[in-house]
C-alpha atoms as a PDB file:
ATOM      1  CA  GLN A   1     -35.461  -4.159 -95.740  1.00  0.00           C
ATOM      2  CA  GLY A   2     -35.482  -4.529 -91.909  1.00  0.00           C
ATOM      3  CA  TRP A   3     -33.480  -7.540 -91.318  1.00  0.00           C
ATOM      4  CA  ARG A   4     -30.531  -5.280 -92.981  1.00  0.00           C
ATOM      5  CA  ASN A   5     -30.337  -4.090 -89.794  1.00  0.00           C
ATOM      6  CA  LEU A   6     -30.077  -7.762 -88.242  1.00  0.00           C
ATOM      7  CA  ARG A   7     -26.351  -9.235 -86.901  1.00  0.00           C
ATOM      8  CA  PRO A   8     -27.108 -12.644 -88.195  1.00  0.00           C
ATOM      9  CA  CYS A   9     -24.264 -15.212 -87.814  1.00  0.00           C
ATOM     10  CA  PHE A  10     -22.860 -17.454 -90.378  1.00  0.00           C
ATOM     11  CA  VAL A  11     -20.500 -20.401 -89.511  1.00  0.00           C
ATOM     12  CA  LEU A  12     -17.523 -21.314 -92.174  1.00  0.00           C
ATOM     13  CA  SER A  13     -16.320 -24.405 -92.163  1.00  0.00           C
ATOM     14  CA  THR A  14     -15.093 -27.321 -93.883  1.00  0.00           C
ATOM     15  CA  GLY A  15     -17.705 -29.671 -92.387  1.00  0.00           C
ATOM     16  CA  ARG A  16     -16.893 -32.533 -89.921  1.00  0.00           C
ATOM     17  CA  SER A  17     -15.757 -29.639 -87.234  1.00  0.00           C
ATOM     18  CA  GLY A  18     -17.775 -29.869 -84.418  1.00  0.00           C
ATOM     19  CA  THR A  19     -20.781 -27.484 -86.045  1.00  0.00           C
ATOM     20  CA  ARG A  20     -22.887 -30.048 -84.171  1.00  0.00           C
ATOM     21  CA  LEU A  21     -21.789 -29.287 -81.205  1.00  0.00           C
ATOM     22  CA  LEU A  22     -21.871 -25.488 -81.687  1.00  0.00           C
ATOM     23  CA  ASN A  23     -25.244 -25.814 -82.778  1.00  0.00           C
ATOM     24  CA  ASP A  24     -26.244 -27.429 -79.328  1.00  0.00           C
ATOM     25  CA  LEU A  25     -24.179 -25.103 -77.277  1.00  0.00           C
ATOM     26  CA  LEU A  26     -25.844 -22.351 -78.571  1.00  0.00           C
ATOM     27  CA  LEU A  27     -29.216 -23.698 -78.150  1.00  0.00           C
ATOM     28  CA  LEU A  28     -28.579 -22.968 -74.283  1.00  0.00           C
ATOM     29  CA  SER A  29     -28.789 -19.303 -74.784  1.00  0.00           C
ATOM     30  CA  GLU A  30     -32.515 -17.902 -74.943  1.00  0.00           C
ATOM     31  CA  ASP A  31     -30.891 -15.031 -76.979  1.00  0.00           C
ATOM     32  CA  ALA A  32     -30.060 -17.306 -80.362  1.00  0.00           C
ATOM     33  CA  LEU A  33     -31.740 -18.973 -83.060  1.00  0.00           C
ATOM     34  CA  PRO A  34     -29.479 -21.606 -83.925  1.00  0.00           C
ATOM     35  CA  GLU A  35     -29.935 -23.793 -87.275  1.00  0.00           C
ATOM     36  CA  HIS A  36     -27.909 -26.484 -88.094  1.00  0.00           C
ATOM     37  CA  GLU A  37     -30.039 -27.941 -90.963  1.00  0.00           C
ATOM     38  CA  PRO A  38     -31.734 -25.506 -92.166  1.00  0.00           C
ATOM     39  CA  ARG A  39     -33.851 -25.571 -95.548  1.00  0.00           C
ATOM     40  CA  PRO A  40     -33.352 -25.608 -98.196  1.00  0.00           C
ATOM     41  CA  GLU A  41     -29.664 -27.407 -97.681  1.00  0.00           C
ATOM     42  CA  LEU A  42     -27.722 -25.692-100.949  1.00  0.00           C
ATOM     43  CA  TYR A  43     -25.643 -28.274-101.481  1.00  0.00           C
ATOM     44  CA  ARG A  44     -25.676 -28.042-105.019  1.00  0.00           C
ATOM     45  CA  PRO A  45     -26.167 -24.102-105.277  1.00  0.00           C
ATOM     46  CA  SER A  46     -23.035 -24.162-102.687  1.00  0.00           C
ATOM     47  CA  ARG A  47     -20.525 -25.802-105.535  1.00  0.00           C
ATOM     48  CA  ARG A  48     -22.071 -23.646-108.051  1.00  0.00           C
ATOM     49  CA  ALA A  49     -21.213 -20.750-105.458  1.00  0.00           C
ATOM     50  CA  TYR A  50     -17.654 -21.828-105.142  1.00  0.00           C
ATOM     51  CA  GLU A  51     -17.289 -22.002-109.103  1.00  0.00           C
ATOM     52  CA  ASP A  52     -18.457 -18.597-110.071  1.00  0.00           C
ATOM     53  CA  ILE A  53     -19.749 -16.341-107.196  1.00  0.00           C
ATOM     54  CA  GLU A  54     -17.164 -14.106-108.317  1.00  0.00           C
ATOM     55  CA  GLN A  55     -18.543 -13.557-112.130  1.00  0.00           C
ATOM     56  CA  HIS A  56     -22.113 -13.846-110.604  1.00  0.00           C
ATOM     57  CA  PRO A  57     -22.460 -12.202-107.588  1.00  0.00           C
ATOM     58  CA  GLU A  58     -26.181 -11.325-108.055  1.00  0.00           C
ATOM     59  CA  ILE A  59     -27.647 -14.696-108.906  1.00  0.00           C
ATOM     60  CA  TYR A  60     -26.283 -15.704-105.744  1.00  0.00           C
ATOM     61  CA  ARG A  61     -27.209 -13.275-103.544  1.00  0.00           C
ATOM     62  CA  GLU A  62     -30.631 -13.670-104.535  1.00  0.00           C
ATOM     63  CA  VAL A  63     -30.217 -17.454-104.247  1.00  0.00           C
ATOM     64  CA  PHE A  64     -29.130 -17.181-100.494  1.00  0.00           C
ATOM     65  CA  LYS A  65     -31.370 -14.106 -99.630  1.00  0.00           C
ATOM     66  CA  SER A  66     -34.461 -16.352-101.112  1.00  0.00           C
ATOM     67  CA  ALA A  67     -33.258 -19.537 -98.953  1.00  0.00           C
ATOM     68  CA  ARG A  68     -32.733 -17.935 -95.632  1.00  0.00           C
ATOM     69  CA  GLU A  69     -35.181 -15.008 -95.390  1.00  0.00           C
ATOM     70  CA  GLU A  70     -37.807 -16.659 -93.501  1.00  0.00           C
ATOM     71  CA  TYR A  71     -35.521 -17.981 -90.997  1.00  0.00           C
ATOM     72  CA  LEU A  72     -34.364 -14.574 -90.731  1.00  0.00           C
ATOM     73  CA  LEU A  73     -37.507 -13.185 -90.284  1.00  0.00           C
ATOM     74  CA  LYS A  74     -38.372 -15.481 -87.751  1.00  0.00           C
ATOM     75  CA  ALA A  75     -35.370 -14.329 -85.338  1.00  0.00           C
ATOM     76  CA  ALA A  76     -36.140 -10.715 -85.943  1.00  0.00           C
ATOM     77  CA  GLN A  77     -39.857 -11.480 -84.696  1.00  0.00           C
ATOM     78  CA  GLN A  78     -38.596 -13.288 -81.723  1.00  0.00           C
ATOM     79  CA  GLU A  79     -36.009 -10.600 -81.092  1.00  0.00           C
ATOM     80  CA  LYS A  80     -32.928 -13.417 -81.324  1.00  0.00           C
ATOM     81  CA  VAL A  81     -29.783 -13.512 -83.378  1.00  0.00           C
ATOM     82  CA  TYR A  82     -29.667 -15.873 -86.266  1.00  0.00           C
ATOM     83  CA  ILE A  83     -26.979 -18.565 -86.351  1.00  0.00           C
ATOM     84  CA  GLU A  84     -26.121 -20.577 -88.827  1.00  0.00           C
ATOM     85  CA  THR A  85     -24.239 -23.554 -88.425  1.00  0.00           C
ATOM     86  CA  ASN A  86     -24.325 -26.046 -91.547  1.00  0.00           C
ATOM     87  CA  ASN A  87     -21.030 -25.666 -93.562  1.00  0.00           C
ATOM     88  CA  GLN A  88     -23.362 -25.203 -97.190  1.00  0.00           C
ATOM     89  CA  CYS A  89     -23.352 -21.264 -96.567  1.00  0.00           C
ATOM     90  CA  THR A  90     -19.558 -21.086 -96.712  1.00  0.00           C
ATOM     91  CA  PHE A  91     -19.261 -20.188-100.404  1.00  0.00           C
ATOM     92  CA  PHE A  92     -21.733 -17.904 -99.968  1.00  0.00           C
ATOM     93  CA  ALA A  93     -19.869 -15.835 -97.753  1.00  0.00           C
ATOM     94  CA  PRO A  94     -18.668 -12.942-100.981  1.00  0.00           C
ATOM     95  CA  VAL A  95     -22.438 -11.982-100.601  1.00  0.00           C
ATOM     96  CA  MET A  96     -23.599 -12.238 -97.020  1.00  0.00           C
ATOM     97  CA  ARG A  97     -22.954  -8.622 -96.214  1.00  0.00           C
ATOM     98  CA  ASP A  98     -24.587  -7.319 -99.393  1.00  0.00           C
ATOM     99  CA  ILE A  99     -27.758  -8.946 -97.897  1.00  0.00           C
ATOM    100  CA  PHE A 100     -27.289  -8.527 -94.289  1.00  0.00           C
ATOM    101  CA  PRO A 101     -24.429  -5.678 -94.260  1.00  0.00           C
ATOM    102  CA  HIS A 102     -23.911  -6.244 -90.362  1.00  0.00           C
ATOM    103  CA  ALA A 103     -23.668 -10.141 -90.569  1.00  0.00           C
ATOM    104  CA  VAL A 104     -20.535 -11.834 -88.247  1.00  0.00           C
ATOM    105  CA  PHE A 105     -18.854 -14.833 -89.123  1.00  0.00           C
ATOM    106  CA  ILE A 106     -16.893 -17.566 -87.181  1.00  0.00           C
ATOM    107  CA  HIS A 107     -14.369 -19.507 -88.655  1.00  0.00           C
ATOM    108  CA  LEU A 108     -14.584 -23.126 -87.305  1.00  0.00           C
ATOM    109  CA  VAL A 109     -11.256 -25.082 -88.314  1.00  0.00           C
ATOM    110  CA  ARG A 110     -10.162 -28.912 -87.385  1.00  0.00           C
ATOM    111  CA  HIS A 111      -7.305 -30.485 -87.954  1.00  0.00           C
ATOM    112  CA  PRO A 112      -6.985 -31.964 -91.584  1.00  0.00           C
ATOM    113  CA  GLY A 113      -5.824 -35.823 -90.180  1.00  0.00           C
ATOM    114  CA  ASP A 114      -9.506 -36.253 -88.342  1.00  0.00           C
ATOM    115  CA  PHE A 115     -11.349 -34.463 -91.238  1.00  0.00           C
ATOM    116  CA  VAL A 116      -9.715 -36.360 -93.887  1.00  0.00           C
ATOM    117  CA  ARG A 117     -10.094 -39.663 -91.929  1.00  0.00           C
ATOM    118  CA  SER A 118     -13.948 -38.359 -91.040  1.00  0.00           C
ATOM    119  CA  GLY A 119     -14.589 -37.852 -94.929  1.00  0.00           C
ATOM    120  CA  ILE A 120     -12.944 -40.958 -96.165  1.00  0.00           C
ATOM    121  CA  ARG A 121     -15.170 -43.097 -93.633  1.00  0.00           C
ATOM    122  CA  ARG A 122     -18.345 -41.137 -94.757  1.00  0.00           C
ATOM    123  CA  LYS A 123     -17.145 -42.449 -98.805  1.00  0.00           C
ATOM    124  CA  TRP A 124     -16.880 -38.595 -99.759  1.00  0.00           C
ATOM    125  CA  TYR A 125     -15.746 -38.159-103.624  1.00  0.00           C
ATOM    126  CA  THR A 126     -16.599 -42.468-104.341  1.00  0.00           C
ATOM    127  CA  GLY A 127     -19.946 -41.261-105.939  1.00  0.00           C
ATOM    128  CA  ALA A 128     -21.366 -43.524-103.140  1.00  0.00           C
ATOM    129  CA  HIS A 129     -22.349 -40.512-100.630  1.00  0.00           C
ATOM    130  CA  SER A 130     -25.537 -38.284-101.269  1.00  0.00           C
ATOM    131  CA  HIS A 131     -24.141 -35.077-101.289  1.00  0.00           C
ATOM    132  CA  ASP A 132     -21.318 -35.426-103.735  1.00  0.00           C
ATOM    133  CA  ILE A 133     -23.023 -33.709-106.065  1.00  0.00           C
ATOM    134  CA  GLY A 134     -22.263 -30.267-104.047  1.00  0.00           C
ATOM    135  CA  ARG A 135     -18.858 -31.555-102.904  1.00  0.00           C
ATOM    136  CA  ILE A 136     -16.225 -28.946-104.598  1.00  0.00           C
ATOM    137  CA  VAL A 137     -13.442 -30.055-107.153  1.00  0.00           C
ATOM    138  CA  PRO A 138     -10.764 -28.189-108.728  1.00  0.00           C
ATOM    139  CA  VAL A 139     -11.801 -25.521-111.472  1.00  0.00           C
ATOM    140  CA  ALA A 140      -8.290 -24.932-113.117  1.00  0.00           C
ATOM    141  CA  GLY A 141      -4.667 -26.329-112.857  1.00  0.00           C
ATOM    142  CA  GLU A 142      -2.275 -29.109-112.037  1.00  0.00           C
ATOM    143  CA  MET A 143      -5.068 -30.517-109.607  1.00  0.00           C
ATOM    144  CA  LYS A 144      -7.726 -30.482-112.174  1.00  0.00           C
ATOM    145  CA  ASP A 145      -5.704 -32.093-114.176  1.00  0.00           C
ATOM    146  CA  ARG A 146      -4.525 -35.050-111.482  1.00  0.00           C
ATOM    147  CA  TRP A 147      -7.885 -35.260-110.277  1.00  0.00           C
ATOM    148  CA  ALA A 148      -9.302 -38.684-111.308  1.00  0.00           C
ATOM    149  CA  GLU A 149      -5.623 -39.959-110.184  1.00  0.00           C
ATOM    150  CA  LEU A 150      -5.461 -38.411-106.754  1.00  0.00           C
ATOM    151  CA  SER A 151      -6.076 -40.825-103.582  1.00  0.00           C
ATOM    152  CA  LEU A 152      -8.921 -40.032-101.288  1.00  0.00           C
ATOM    153  CA  ILE A 153      -6.735 -38.663 -98.795  1.00  0.00           C
ATOM    154  CA  GLU A 154      -5.310 -36.224-101.321  1.00  0.00           C
ATOM    155  CA  LYS A 155      -8.906 -35.209-102.740  1.00  0.00           C
ATOM    156  CA  ASN A 156     -10.290 -34.421 -99.098  1.00  0.00           C
ATOM    157  CA  GLY A 157      -7.106 -33.078 -97.710  1.00  0.00           C
ATOM    158  CA  TRP A 158      -7.511 -30.650-100.868  1.00  0.00           C
ATOM    159  CA  LEU A 159     -11.407 -30.186-100.165  1.00  0.00           C
ATOM    160  CA  TRP A 160      -9.831 -29.326 -96.308  1.00  0.00           C
ATOM    161  CA  ASN A 161      -7.108 -27.125 -97.817  1.00  0.00           C
ATOM    162  CA  GLU A 162      -9.103 -24.891-100.459  1.00  0.00           C
ATOM    163  CA  THR A 163     -12.134 -24.423 -98.391  1.00  0.00           C
ATOM    164  CA  ASN A 164     -10.416 -23.054 -95.483  1.00  0.00           C
ATOM    165  CA  ARG A 165      -8.009 -20.819 -98.525  1.00  0.00           C
ATOM    166  CA  PHE A 166     -11.586 -19.710 -99.746  1.00  0.00           C
ATOM    167  CA  ILE A 167     -12.726 -18.723 -96.011  1.00  0.00           C
ATOM    168  CA  GLU A 168      -9.523 -16.637 -95.313  1.00  0.00           C
ATOM    169  CA  ASP A 169      -9.488 -14.729 -98.374  1.00  0.00           C
ATOM    170  CA  PHE A 170     -13.117 -13.221 -97.835  1.00  0.00           C
ATOM    171  CA  ARG A 171     -11.753 -12.767 -94.257  1.00  0.00           C
ATOM    172  CA  ARG A 172      -9.589 -10.289 -95.585  1.00  0.00           C
ATOM    173  CA  THR A 173     -12.357  -8.456 -96.790  1.00  0.00           C
ATOM    174  CA  VAL A 174     -14.645  -7.897 -93.649  1.00  0.00           C
ATOM    175  CA  PRO A 175     -13.598  -5.852 -90.190  1.00  0.00           C
ATOM    176  CA  ALA A 176     -11.876  -7.821 -88.131  1.00  0.00           C
ATOM    177  CA  GLU A 177     -14.610  -7.206 -85.330  1.00  0.00           C
ATOM    178  CA  ALA A 178     -16.843  -9.115 -87.637  1.00  0.00           C
ATOM    179  CA  PHE A 179     -14.669 -12.252 -87.312  1.00  0.00           C
ATOM    180  CA  LEU A 180     -13.648 -14.890 -85.314  1.00  0.00           C
ATOM    181  CA  PHE A 181     -11.773 -18.224 -85.594  1.00  0.00           C
ATOM    182  CA  VAL A 182     -12.256 -21.008 -83.391  1.00  0.00           C
ATOM    183  CA  LYS A 183     -10.429 -24.225 -83.552  1.00  0.00           C
ATOM    184  CA  ALA A 184     -12.569 -27.278 -82.991  1.00  0.00           C
ATOM    185  CA  GLU A 185     -10.179 -29.095 -80.868  1.00  0.00           C
ATOM    186  CA  ALA A 186     -10.428 -25.893 -78.183  1.00  0.00           C
ATOM    187  CA  LEU A 187     -14.373 -26.015 -78.675  1.00  0.00           C
ATOM    188  CA  PHE A 188     -14.564 -29.667 -77.596  1.00  0.00           C
ATOM    189  CA  ARG A 189     -12.156 -28.903 -74.241  1.00  0.00           C
ATOM    190  CA  ASP A 190     -12.227 -25.587 -73.088  1.00  0.00           C
ATOM    191  CA  PRO A 191     -15.664 -23.954 -71.887  1.00  0.00           C
ATOM    192  CA  ALA A 192     -13.502 -20.468 -72.191  1.00  0.00           C
ATOM    193  CA  VAL A 193     -14.080 -20.666 -76.230  1.00  0.00           C
ATOM    194  CA  THR A 194     -17.714 -21.062 -75.769  1.00  0.00           C
ATOM    195  CA  ARG A 195     -18.035 -17.998 -73.612  1.00  0.00           C
ATOM    196  CA  GLU A 196     -15.883 -16.000 -76.265  1.00  0.00           C
ATOM    197  CA  ILE A 197     -17.761 -17.356 -78.878  1.00  0.00           C
ATOM    198  CA  PHE A 198     -21.106 -16.285 -76.711  1.00  0.00           C
ATOM    199  CA  ASP A 199     -19.630 -12.911 -75.682  1.00  0.00           C
ATOM    200  CA  PHE A 200     -18.890 -12.385 -79.805  1.00  0.00           C
ATOM    201  CA  LEU A 201     -22.682 -13.095 -80.778  1.00  0.00           C
ATOM    202  CA  ARG A 202     -24.033 -10.342 -77.923  1.00  0.00           C
ATOM    203  CA  ILE A 203     -26.053 -13.575 -76.346  1.00  0.00           C
ATOM    204  CA  GLY A 204     -26.505 -14.308 -72.455  1.00  0.00           C
ATOM    205  CA  GLY A 205     -27.191 -17.908 -70.956  1.00  0.00           C
ATOM    206  CA  TYR A 206     -23.366 -18.822 -70.591  1.00  0.00           C
ATOM    207  CA  HIS A 207     -23.183 -21.206 -67.681  1.00  0.00           C
ATOM    208  CA  GLU A 208     -19.624 -23.170 -67.212  1.00  0.00           C
ATOM    209  CA  LYS A 209     -21.583 -25.989 -65.560  1.00  0.00           C
ATOM    210  CA  THR A 210     -23.502 -26.724 -68.497  1.00  0.00           C
ATOM    211  CA  VAL A 211     -21.671 -25.783 -70.672  1.00  0.00           C
ATOM    212  CA  ARG A 212     -18.721 -28.300 -69.627  1.00  0.00           C
ATOM    213  CA  LYS A 213     -21.743 -31.136 -69.125  1.00  0.00           C
ATOM    214  CA  VAL A 214     -22.671 -30.390 -73.217  1.00  0.00           C
ATOM    215  CA  ILE A 215     -19.104 -30.976 -74.572  1.00  0.00           C
ATOM    216  CA  GLY A 216     -18.682 -33.726 -72.115  1.00  0.00           C
ATOM    217  CA  THR A 217     -21.338 -35.570 -74.355  1.00  0.00           C
ATOM    218  CA  PRO A 218     -20.419 -36.208 -77.736  1.00  0.00           C
ATOM    219  CA  VAL A 219     -22.512 -35.522 -80.658  1.00  0.00           C
ATOM    220  CA  ASN A 220     -22.303 -36.437 -84.253  1.00  0.00           C
ATOM    221  CA  VAL A 221     -19.757 -39.028 -83.816  1.00  0.00           C
ATOM    222  CA  GLN A 222     -18.786 -40.732 -86.720  1.00  0.00           C
ATOM    223  CA  LYS A 223     -19.854 -44.460 -86.120  1.00  0.00           C
ATOM    224  CA  LYS A 224     -19.879 -46.217 -89.812  1.00  0.00           C
ATOM    225  CA  GLY A 225     -16.719 -46.809 -91.869  1.00  0.00           C
ATOM    226  CA  HIS A 226     -13.013 -47.588 -90.726  1.00  0.00           C
ATOM    227  CA  PHE A 227     -10.182 -45.596 -91.292  1.00  0.00           C
ATOM    228  CA  PRO A 228      -7.196 -45.357 -88.711  1.00  0.00           C
ATOM    229  CA  ALA A 229      -6.666 -41.997 -86.964  1.00  0.00           C
ATOM    230  CA  TYR A 230      -3.917 -39.474 -88.173  1.00  0.00           C
ATOM    231  CA  ARG A 231      -1.332 -40.658 -85.530  1.00  0.00           C
ATOM    232  CA  ASP A 232      -1.572 -44.413 -86.863  1.00  0.00           C
ATOM    233  CA  TRP A 233      -1.181 -43.424 -90.837  1.00  0.00           C
ATOM    234  CA  PRO A 234       2.038 -44.998 -92.569  1.00  0.00           C
ATOM    235  CA  GLU A 235       4.495 -42.010 -93.152  1.00  0.00           C
ATOM    236  CA  ALA A 236       3.662 -42.290 -96.807  1.00  0.00           C
ATOM    237  CA  ASP A 237      -0.129 -41.318 -96.309  1.00  0.00           C
ATOM    238  CA  LYS A 238       1.189 -38.210 -94.135  1.00  0.00           C
ATOM    239  CA  ALA A 239       3.327 -36.861 -96.727  1.00  0.00           C
ATOM    240  CA  LYS A 240       0.239 -36.878 -99.001  1.00  0.00           C
ATOM    241  CA  LEU A 241      -1.717 -34.928 -96.649  1.00  0.00           C
ATOM    242  CA  LYS A 242       0.904 -32.471 -96.067  1.00  0.00           C
ATOM    243  CA  LYS A 243       1.634 -31.984 -99.814  1.00  0.00           C
ATOM    244  CA  VAL A 244      -2.062 -31.063-100.108  1.00  0.00           C
ATOM    245  CA  ALA A 245      -3.113 -29.099 -96.985  1.00  0.00           C
ATOM    246  CA  PRO A 246      -0.079 -27.047 -96.639  1.00  0.00           C
ATOM    247  CA  ARG A 247      -2.467 -24.274 -94.762  1.00  0.00           C
ATOM    248  CA  ALA A 248      -2.487 -27.036 -91.760  1.00  0.00           C
ATOM    249  CA  ALA A 249       1.187 -24.783 -90.663  1.00  0.00           C
ATOM    250  CA  ALA A 250      -1.021 -21.706 -90.435  1.00  0.00           C
ATOM    251  CA  TYR A 251      -3.332 -22.850 -87.992  1.00  0.00           C
ATOM    252  CA  HIS A 252      -0.383 -24.900 -86.142  1.00  0.00           C
ATOM    253  CA  TYR A 253      -1.434 -28.212 -86.942  1.00  0.00           C
ATOM    254  CA  ASP A 254       1.232 -30.343 -86.558  1.00  0.00           C
ATOM    255  CA  LEU A 255       1.708 -33.265 -89.310  1.00  0.00           C
ATOM    256  CA  ASP A 256       4.426 -35.037 -88.352  1.00  0.00           C
END
């Protein structure tokens, strides 16, 4: 039960939002134990958590605790802060504080147009990507009824909006001091954002010169697949994204 006193951090995101860069930045601190690809990766359980974690929280508590307790034990033994940057933890968020009462969270968000472009280039929702088995889909309502006829822009745009909606709903259940909102674009550009993250996590090792070097070196860059940058989309495609991703306005993303 000693781990109940730990203060791990879980990065909640859609994925393709700078989590690899964040992980590399966290590796600069000797106080941190960041994991970008912990095992098991929980692709299918993550989707199941999205679908019914409210109905069966006890199942998902046990799944997540069993999947991550060795990492937490390692962090405790080394007196480090465990930080999970993989987005597969996102839909387990509602039970995390039951397991780790002092857990904190970073909500990492990226422009929906850039996210959708990345998802389409990776062939998400085509059945050709190995992780599609864990990708969430609508469970009710109009979107569920229309899902088969939606374009990939609409499907990936819905994924962006719905994942961030889920995170925002969860945010309302935890103290403000346990939650940090970060825009990927600021993380990519401004070393001060990394300093804010280090302060939030109570870890040392921030050196602006080193951080600038890390953020100046692109990581996990998409190389396969072709799809135009958002600024080059036809107006009709931009209109599709605006319709399925209304949350963009709350984050001050311009979809015009």
